[in-house]
Protein backbone atom coordinates (compact mmCIF):
# COMPACT_ATOMS: atom_id res chain seq x y z
CA MET A 1 0.00 0.00 0.00
CA SER A 2 2.78 2.46 0.91
CA GLN A 3 4.51 1.78 -2.44
CA PHE A 4 1.23 2.45 -4.26
CA ILE A 5 0.86 5.79 -2.44
CA GLY A 6 4.47 6.54 -3.38
CA ILE A 7 3.73 5.97 -7.05
CA ILE A 8 0.72 8.29 -6.77
CA GLY A 9 3.06 10.80 -5.15
CA LEU A 10 5.51 10.52 -8.05
CA LEU A 11 2.74 11.15 -10.56
CA LEU A 12 1.54 14.15 -8.54
CA ILE A 13 5.05 15.68 -8.34
CA PHE A 14 5.60 15.24 -12.08
CA GLY A 15 2.10 16.56 -12.75
CA LEU A 16 2.79 19.74 -10.77
CA ALA A 17 6.10 20.17 -12.58
CA VAL A 18 4.42 19.81 -15.98
CA LEU A 19 1.69 22.22 -14.88
CA ILE A 20 4.20 25.04 -14.26
CA SER A 21 6.47 24.07 -17.17
CA SER A 22 7.52 26.95 -19.42
CA ASP A 23 7.31 24.74 -22.54
CA ARG A 24 5.62 21.35 -22.15
CA LYS A 25 6.27 20.36 -25.76
CA ALA A 26 10.04 20.78 -25.33
CA ILE A 27 10.31 18.29 -22.43
CA LYS A 28 12.76 15.49 -23.34
CA ARG A 29 11.27 12.24 -22.08
CA LYS A 30 14.18 9.84 -22.67
CA PRO A 31 16.75 11.63 -20.44
CA LEU A 32 14.08 11.99 -17.73
CA ILE A 33 13.37 8.27 -17.73
CA ILE A 34 17.09 7.45 -17.62
CA MET A 35 17.69 9.84 -14.69
CA LEU A 36 14.66 8.55 -12.76
CA VAL A 37 15.88 4.97 -13.22
CA LEU A 38 19.34 6.01 -12.04
CA GLN A 39 17.82 7.79 -9.06
CA PHE A 40 15.98 4.62 -8.02
CA ALA A 41 19.06 2.48 -8.74
CA PHE A 42 21.37 4.59 -6.58
CA GLY A 43 18.71 4.82 -3.87
CA PHE A 44 18.29 1.03 -3.87
CA VAL A 45 22.05 0.44 -3.67
CA LEU A 46 22.51 2.91 -0.81
CA LEU A 47 19.44 1.87 1.20
CA ARG A 48 18.95 -1.81 0.47
CA THR A 49 22.23 -3.53 -0.43
CA THR A 50 25.21 -4.74 1.58
CA PHE A 51 27.54 -2.85 -0.76
CA GLY A 52 25.61 0.38 -0.28
CA THR A 53 25.59 -0.08 3.48
CA ALA A 54 29.36 -0.60 3.40
CA VAL A 55 29.90 2.55 1.30
CA VAL A 56 27.71 4.60 3.63
CA ALA A 57 29.48 3.17 6.68
CA MET A 58 32.86 4.03 5.16
CA LEU A 59 31.82 7.62 4.39
CA ALA A 60 30.19 7.99 7.81
CA LYS A 61 33.40 6.75 9.46
CA LEU A 62 35.40 9.26 7.41
CA PHE A 63 33.21 12.09 8.65
CA ASP A 64 33.38 10.72 12.19
CA HIS A 65 37.18 11.00 12.00
CA LEU A 66 36.95 14.51 10.54
CA LEU A 67 34.55 15.56 13.30
CA ALA A 68 36.89 14.04 15.91
CA PHE A 69 39.80 16.05 14.48
CA ALA A 70 37.59 19.14 14.47
CA GLY A 71 36.76 18.40 18.10
CA GLU A 72 40.45 18.62 18.96
CA GLY A 73 40.57 22.17 17.67
CA VAL A 74 37.30 23.12 19.38
CA ASN A 75 38.46 21.48 22.62
CA PHE A 76 41.73 23.43 22.57
CA VAL A 77 39.93 26.77 22.23
CA PHE A 78 36.95 26.09 24.49
CA GLY A 79 38.74 24.15 27.24
CA GLY A 80 36.97 20.80 27.01
CA VAL A 81 33.44 22.20 27.05
CA ALA A 82 32.65 20.67 23.65
CA ASN A 83 33.41 17.10 24.74
CA VAL A 84 32.00 16.94 28.26
CA GLY A 85 28.39 16.09 29.05
CA SER A 86 25.68 18.02 27.25
CA ALA A 87 27.89 20.31 25.16
CA PRO A 88 26.42 23.35 23.40
CA PHE A 89 24.98 22.78 19.92
CA PHE A 90 27.21 25.55 18.57
CA LEU A 91 30.40 23.78 19.67
CA ASN A 92 29.50 20.18 18.82
CA VAL A 93 27.54 20.67 15.60
CA LEU A 94 28.49 24.01 14.06
CA MET A 95 32.14 24.60 14.98
CA PRO A 96 33.35 21.51 13.00
CA ILE A 97 32.28 23.41 9.85
CA VAL A 98 35.49 25.45 10.27
CA PHE A 99 37.69 22.37 9.88
CA ILE A 100 35.62 20.78 7.09
CA SER A 101 35.81 24.07 5.17
CA ALA A 102 39.61 23.97 5.50
CA ILE A 103 39.69 20.43 4.08
CA ILE A 104 37.60 21.50 1.09
CA GLY A 105 39.94 24.42 0.51
CA ILE A 106 42.96 22.09 0.48
CA LEU A 107 41.28 19.70 -1.96
CA ARG A 108 40.45 22.62 -4.25
CA TYR A 109 43.98 24.03 -3.97
CA ILE A 110 45.61 20.75 -5.05
CA LYS A 111 43.08 20.50 -7.94
CA ILE A 112 41.45 17.24 -6.82
CA LEU A 113 37.98 18.71 -6.34
CA PRO A 114 37.92 20.76 -9.58
CA LEU A 115 38.93 17.71 -11.61
CA PHE A 116 36.34 15.53 -9.88
CA MET A 117 33.51 18.05 -10.32
CA LYS A 118 34.35 18.67 -13.95
CA ALA A 119 34.70 14.96 -14.82
CA VAL A 120 31.44 13.93 -13.13
CA GLY A 121 29.60 16.92 -14.57
CA LEU A 122 30.77 16.18 -18.11
CA GLY A 123 29.84 12.51 -17.66
CA LEU A 124 26.34 13.37 -16.48
CA SER A 125 25.82 15.77 -19.40
CA LYS A 126 25.92 12.72 -21.70
CA ILE A 127 22.80 11.25 -20.10
CA ASN A 128 20.75 14.07 -18.59
CA GLY A 129 19.99 15.98 -21.80
CA MET A 130 21.34 19.21 -20.30
CA GLY A 131 24.35 21.38 -21.07
CA LYS A 132 27.87 20.77 -19.76
CA LEU A 133 27.73 23.87 -17.57
CA GLU A 134 24.38 22.88 -16.03
CA SER A 135 25.69 19.37 -15.36
CA TYR A 136 28.88 20.70 -13.76
CA ASN A 137 26.83 23.18 -11.72
CA GLY A 138 24.72 20.39 -10.20
CA VAL A 139 27.78 18.46 -9.01
CA ALA A 140 29.68 21.56 -7.90
CA SER A 141 26.66 22.87 -5.93
CA ALA A 142 26.61 19.67 -3.87
CA ILE A 143 30.23 20.30 -2.87
CA LEU A 144 30.76 24.06 -2.83
CA GLY A 145 27.28 25.26 -1.81
CA GLN A 146 24.54 27.36 -3.36
CA SER A 147 26.36 30.70 -3.37
CA GLU A 148 30.01 29.67 -3.79
CA VAL A 149 29.28 27.59 -6.89
CA PHE A 150 28.51 30.68 -8.98
CA ILE A 151 31.95 32.12 -8.26
CA SER A 152 33.46 29.16 -10.11
CA ILE A 153 31.48 29.99 -13.26
CA LYS A 154 31.55 33.80 -13.08
CA LYS A 155 33.21 34.11 -16.52
CA GLU A 156 30.14 32.43 -18.03
CA LEU A 157 27.50 34.46 -16.16
CA PRO A 158 27.25 37.43 -18.57
CA PHE A 159 26.43 35.04 -21.44
CA LEU A 160 23.87 32.85 -19.69
CA THR A 161 20.25 33.02 -20.77
CA GLU A 162 17.38 33.38 -18.32
CA LYS A 163 16.47 29.71 -18.74
CA ARG A 164 19.99 28.46 -18.02
CA LEU A 165 20.19 30.65 -14.91
CA PHE A 166 16.90 29.20 -13.70
CA SER A 167 18.10 25.59 -14.08
CA MET A 168 21.39 26.27 -12.32
CA SER A 169 19.63 28.07 -9.46
CA VAL A 170 17.32 25.07 -8.99
CA SER A 171 20.34 22.74 -8.79
CA ALA A 172 22.04 25.05 -6.30
CA MET A 173 18.97 25.26 -4.05
CA SER A 174 18.26 21.52 -4.26
CA THR A 175 21.63 20.51 -2.84
CA VAL A 176 23.72 21.34 0.23
CA SER A 177 27.33 22.30 0.85
CA MET A 178 29.80 19.52 1.66
CA SER A 179 31.24 21.74 4.41
CA ILE A 180 28.09 21.31 6.54
CA VAL A 181 27.37 17.63 5.79
CA GLY A 182 29.21 16.64 8.96
CA SER A 183 26.90 18.91 10.97
CA TYR A 184 23.87 17.21 9.42
CA MET A 185 25.31 13.81 10.38
CA ALA A 186 25.47 14.98 13.99
CA LEU A 187 21.69 15.47 13.87
CA ILE A 188 20.32 12.72 11.58
CA ASP A 189 21.47 9.30 10.36
CA SER A 190 24.45 9.59 8.00
CA LYS A 191 22.87 6.98 5.71
CA TYR A 192 20.01 9.32 4.89
CA VAL A 193 22.28 12.34 4.48
CA ILE A 194 24.39 10.54 1.85
CA THR A 195 21.30 9.11 0.13
CA ALA A 196 19.76 12.59 -0.07
CA LEU A 197 22.93 14.05 -1.61
CA VAL A 198 22.78 11.54 -4.46
CA LEU A 199 19.00 11.60 -4.99
CA ASN A 200 18.84 15.40 -4.97
CA LEU A 201 21.55 15.62 -7.62
CA PHE A 202 19.45 13.62 -10.09
CA GLY A 203 16.20 15.15 -8.84
CA GLY A 204 17.50 18.65 -9.58
CA TYR A 205 18.24 17.68 -13.17
CA ILE A 206 14.87 15.91 -13.55
CA LEU A 207 12.64 18.70 -12.22
CA ALA A 208 14.60 21.51 -13.89
CA SER A 209 14.27 19.66 -17.21
CA ILE A 210 10.49 19.45 -16.82
CA VAL A 211 9.80 22.91 -15.44
CA ASN A 212 12.32 24.70 -17.62
CA PRO A 213 13.14 22.77 -20.82
CA TYR A 214 15.27 24.33 -23.56
CA GLU A 215 17.67 23.51 -26.38
CA LEU A 216 21.31 24.60 -26.50
CA ASP A 217 23.38 25.39 -29.57
CA GLU A 218 26.74 23.65 -29.71
CA LYS A 219 28.48 27.05 -29.45
CA GLU A 220 26.58 27.84 -26.25
CA ASP A 221 27.43 24.52 -24.63
CA GLU A 222 30.89 25.36 -23.32
CA LEU A 223 32.37 24.76 -19.90
CA VAL A 224 34.70 27.48 -18.66
CA ILE A 225 35.56 27.13 -14.97
CA GLU A 226 37.01 30.07 -13.09
CA GLU A 227 40.26 29.18 -11.39
CA ASP A 228 40.81 30.36 -7.83
CA LYS A 229 42.84 33.55 -7.56
CA GLU A 230 46.57 33.05 -7.15
CA GLN A 231 47.31 32.53 -3.47
CA THR A 232 49.93 30.84 -1.37
CA PHE A 233 48.81 27.69 0.43
CA PHE A 234 48.51 29.43 3.80
CA GLN A 235 46.64 32.41 2.35
CA MET A 236 44.10 29.98 0.91
CA LEU A 237 43.91 27.98 4.14
CA GLY A 238 43.32 31.07 6.25
CA GLU A 239 40.58 32.23 3.88
CA TYR A 240 38.72 28.90 3.98
CA ILE A 241 39.04 28.62 7.76
CA LEU A 242 37.51 32.09 8.17
CA ASP A 243 34.82 31.26 5.59
CA GLY A 244 33.92 28.18 7.62
CA PHE A 245 33.75 30.22 10.80
CA HIS A 246 31.49 32.79 9.11
CA VAL A 247 29.17 30.00 7.96
CA ALA A 248 29.00 28.58 11.51
CA ILE A 249 28.26 32.01 12.99
CA THR A 250 25.62 32.70 10.32
CA VAL A 251 23.86 29.38 10.93
CA ALA A 252 23.98 29.99 14.70
CA ALA A 253 22.46 33.46 14.30
CA MET A 254 19.73 32.12 12.02
CA LEU A 255 18.91 29.34 14.51
CA ILE A 256 18.72 31.73 17.47
CA GLY A 257 16.43 34.08 15.57
CA PHE A 258 14.18 31.48 13.96
CA VAL A 259 13.80 29.19 17.00
CA ALA A 260 12.96 32.17 19.23
CA LEU A 261 10.52 33.57 16.65
CA ILE A 262 8.77 30.23 16.23
CA ALA A 263 8.47 29.87 20.01
CA MET A 264 6.88 33.32 20.26
CA ILE A 265 4.48 32.71 17.37
CA ASN A 266 3.54 29.30 18.79
CA ALA A 267 2.77 30.89 22.16
CA LEU A 268 0.65 33.62 20.54
CA PHE A 269 -1.33 31.14 18.42
CA SER A 270 -1.76 28.79 21.37
CA GLY A 271 -3.06 31.58 23.58
CA ILE A 272 -5.45 32.97 20.97
CA PHE A 273 -6.56 29.90 19.01
CA GLY A 274 -5.65 27.01 21.30
CA ILE A 275 -3.35 25.52 18.66
CA THR A 276 0.29 26.32 17.83
CA PHE A 277 1.46 27.82 14.55
CA GLN A 278 3.52 24.70 13.79
CA GLN A 279 0.48 22.47 14.36
CA ILE A 280 -1.45 24.56 11.82
CA LEU A 281 1.42 24.18 9.35
CA GLY A 282 1.40 20.46 10.10
CA TYR A 283 -2.23 20.15 9.02
CA ILE A 284 -1.52 22.16 5.86
CA PHE A 285 1.46 19.99 4.93
CA ALA A 286 -0.02 16.68 6.10
CA PRO A 287 -1.29 15.73 2.59
CA PHE A 288 2.20 16.32 1.17
CA ALA A 289 3.72 14.18 3.91
CA PHE A 290 1.14 11.49 3.17
CA ILE A 291 1.89 11.34 -0.56
CA SER A 292 5.57 11.08 0.35
CA GLY A 293 4.76 7.72 1.91
CA ILE A 294 4.29 8.74 5.54
CA PRO A 295 1.30 7.07 7.31
CA TRP A 296 -1.60 9.43 7.95
CA LYS A 297 -1.32 9.00 11.74
CA GLU A 298 2.16 10.58 11.53
CA ALA A 299 1.45 12.95 8.66
CA VAL A 300 0.49 16.03 10.71
CA ASP A 301 3.63 15.92 12.88
CA ALA A 302 5.78 15.14 9.84
CA GLY A 303 4.10 17.94 7.88
CA SER A 304 4.96 20.33 10.69
CA ILE A 305 8.67 19.49 10.37
CA MET A 306 8.51 19.78 6.57
CA ALA A 307 6.87 23.20 6.84
CA THR A 308 9.38 24.32 9.47
CA LYS A 309 12.19 23.52 7.04
CA LEU A 310 10.54 25.53 4.27
CA VAL A 311 9.81 28.67 6.31
CA THR A 312 13.04 28.62 8.38
CA ASN A 313 15.88 26.30 7.34
CA GLU A 314 16.98 22.67 7.43
CA PHE A 315 18.94 23.02 10.70
CA VAL A 316 15.86 24.13 12.65
CA ALA A 317 13.83 21.24 11.22
CA MET A 318 16.60 18.67 11.79
CA THR A 319 16.95 19.82 15.39
CA GLU A 320 13.21 19.28 15.90
CA LEU A 321 13.43 15.83 14.33
CA SER A 322 16.44 14.81 16.42
CA THR A 323 15.20 16.03 19.82
CA GLY A 324 12.69 13.20 20.16
CA THR A 325 9.70 15.54 20.54
CA PHE A 326 7.87 13.40 17.97
CA GLU A 327 7.83 9.61 17.94
CA PHE A 328 8.19 8.47 14.34
CA THR A 329 8.69 5.02 12.86
CA GLU A 330 12.06 4.29 11.25
CA ARG A 331 10.50 4.56 7.79
CA THR A 332 8.97 7.98 8.48
CA THR A 333 12.27 9.15 9.95
CA ALA A 334 14.04 8.02 6.76
CA ILE A 335 11.59 9.91 4.51
CA LEU A 336 11.77 13.06 6.62
CA SER A 337 15.56 12.95 6.94
CA VAL A 338 16.04 12.76 3.16
CA PHE A 339 13.49 15.54 2.63
CA LEU A 340 15.34 17.89 5.00
CA VAL A 341 18.75 17.63 3.34
CA SER A 342 18.54 20.58 0.94
CA PHE A 343 18.67 24.37 0.89
CA ALA A 344 15.08 24.69 -0.37
CA ASN A 345 13.67 27.38 1.91
CA PHE A 346 12.63 31.02 1.59
CA SER A 347 15.91 32.47 2.85
CA SER A 348 17.78 30.70 0.04
CA ILE A 349 16.08 32.95 -2.53
CA GLY A 350 17.91 35.89 -1.00
CA ILE A 351 21.17 33.97 -0.62
CA ILE A 352 21.32 32.87 -4.27
CA SER A 353 20.13 36.16 -5.78
CA GLY A 354 22.45 38.08 -3.46
CA ALA A 355 25.45 35.94 -4.41
CA MET A 356 24.58 36.37 -8.07
CA LYS A 357 24.18 40.15 -7.74
CA GLY A 358 27.63 40.33 -6.22
CA LEU A 359 28.97 38.84 -9.46
CA ASN A 360 26.54 40.25 -12.02
CA GLU A 361 23.74 42.67 -11.09
CA GLU A 362 21.56 41.88 -14.12
CA LYS A 363 21.68 38.11 -13.60
CA GLY A 364 21.03 38.52 -9.88
CA ASN A 365 17.85 40.45 -10.65
CA LEU A 366 16.72 37.70 -13.03
CA VAL A 367 17.17 35.08 -10.30
CA ALA A 368 15.25 37.23 -7.80
CA LYS A 369 12.44 37.66 -10.37
CA HIS A 370 11.94 33.88 -10.55
CA GLY A 371 12.73 33.24 -6.87
CA LEU A 372 9.42 31.69 -5.86
CA LYS A 373 9.30 29.41 -8.88
CA ILE A 374 12.89 28.31 -8.23
CA LEU A 375 11.97 27.55 -4.60
CA PHE A 376 8.84 25.65 -5.65
CA THR A 377 10.86 23.54 -8.12
CA ALA A 378 13.60 22.87 -5.55
CA SER A 379 10.92 21.85 -3.03
CA LEU A 380 9.53 19.40 -5.59
CA VAL A 381 13.06 17.93 -5.77
CA SER A 382 12.99 17.37 -2.00
CA PHE A 383 9.59 15.70 -2.23
CA LEU A 384 10.76 13.54 -5.14
CA SER A 385 13.78 12.32 -3.15
CA ALA A 386 11.56 11.68 -0.12
CA ILE A 387 9.04 9.70 -2.20
CA VAL A 388 11.79 7.58 -3.79
CA THR A 389 13.11 6.86 -0.29
CA GLY A 390 9.63 5.94 0.93
CA ILE A 391 9.18 3.48 -1.93
CA LEU A 392 12.57 1.83 -1.28
CA VAL A 393 12.73 1.56 2.52
């Protein structure tokens, strides 16, 4: 029965995408079918096979080691507070971002990451029916993040059409930055974090191809990647360490503001209407949770977490999921966890358009113009990944 509901959910997601498509006749069906099959294949391997379990365990162990190393640095500065008893969220979950950011900087400096992103992107362009730049952008977004990725293609920005910008913005919002993956793993099961990273990559291509189909001339389909500015190793390292710290501080500030605001709004709604704001959102989102494969008895609570992620950010929602406030089955937890691993929320519209404006004012305004549609498409990607997970687990 749950698989049947999942199939209905898939049809509904694709139906909504077709409904808002800019050119339904231009949708390429063959690449979509291939990518959907690949999405299910990768999901099955990661969630249902011994090999997939081993790969996930290996990656999880790698991040465990990285977080342990990060803990050494945090422990040195904060005098053991981070590793004793109930340590603050900021120290245990957010501060490791500083170290992970440094690792990413090193891998970029020695050209391992650029080669990997370019090779995988070019490979995917052979099967997804999209341009080389769009394919690279999807992979790079999952590693660099939704704002940093556009810096790597800034030479191309002045020549990009409105449609290409839309597709690349969807990919950027559908993914997450590798620098904060370790923080996610501190809140939810690493298996679902890794699964979401893979599913969202293909989901971004699938939904962007439906909502925003277009043809590229061979001359347009070029891949020019901006090299990092010339720096010494330690200049680069210092820059990435500070970037990581800024990200951690930004996330902390957002959490303080959003959690406090939600608490206040919940209290106001509870006092006036006898029901909290999040409970109201839960009822609104319950049908979407249900078509994702979540049983109706859990759909309202799950819908509340889904809505929280959309109106605030994924960290707030993951914190709610991990605190044990709600009692979910393992299957519902899997679906919700995969859904939460993306940047698809209202604040991301400002982040992407702001990053773009910093590089090219005209293109930034175009992204802002289509912000809500980009967010809606990226949210469909999250639901698609959640539905695929629900069918497989």
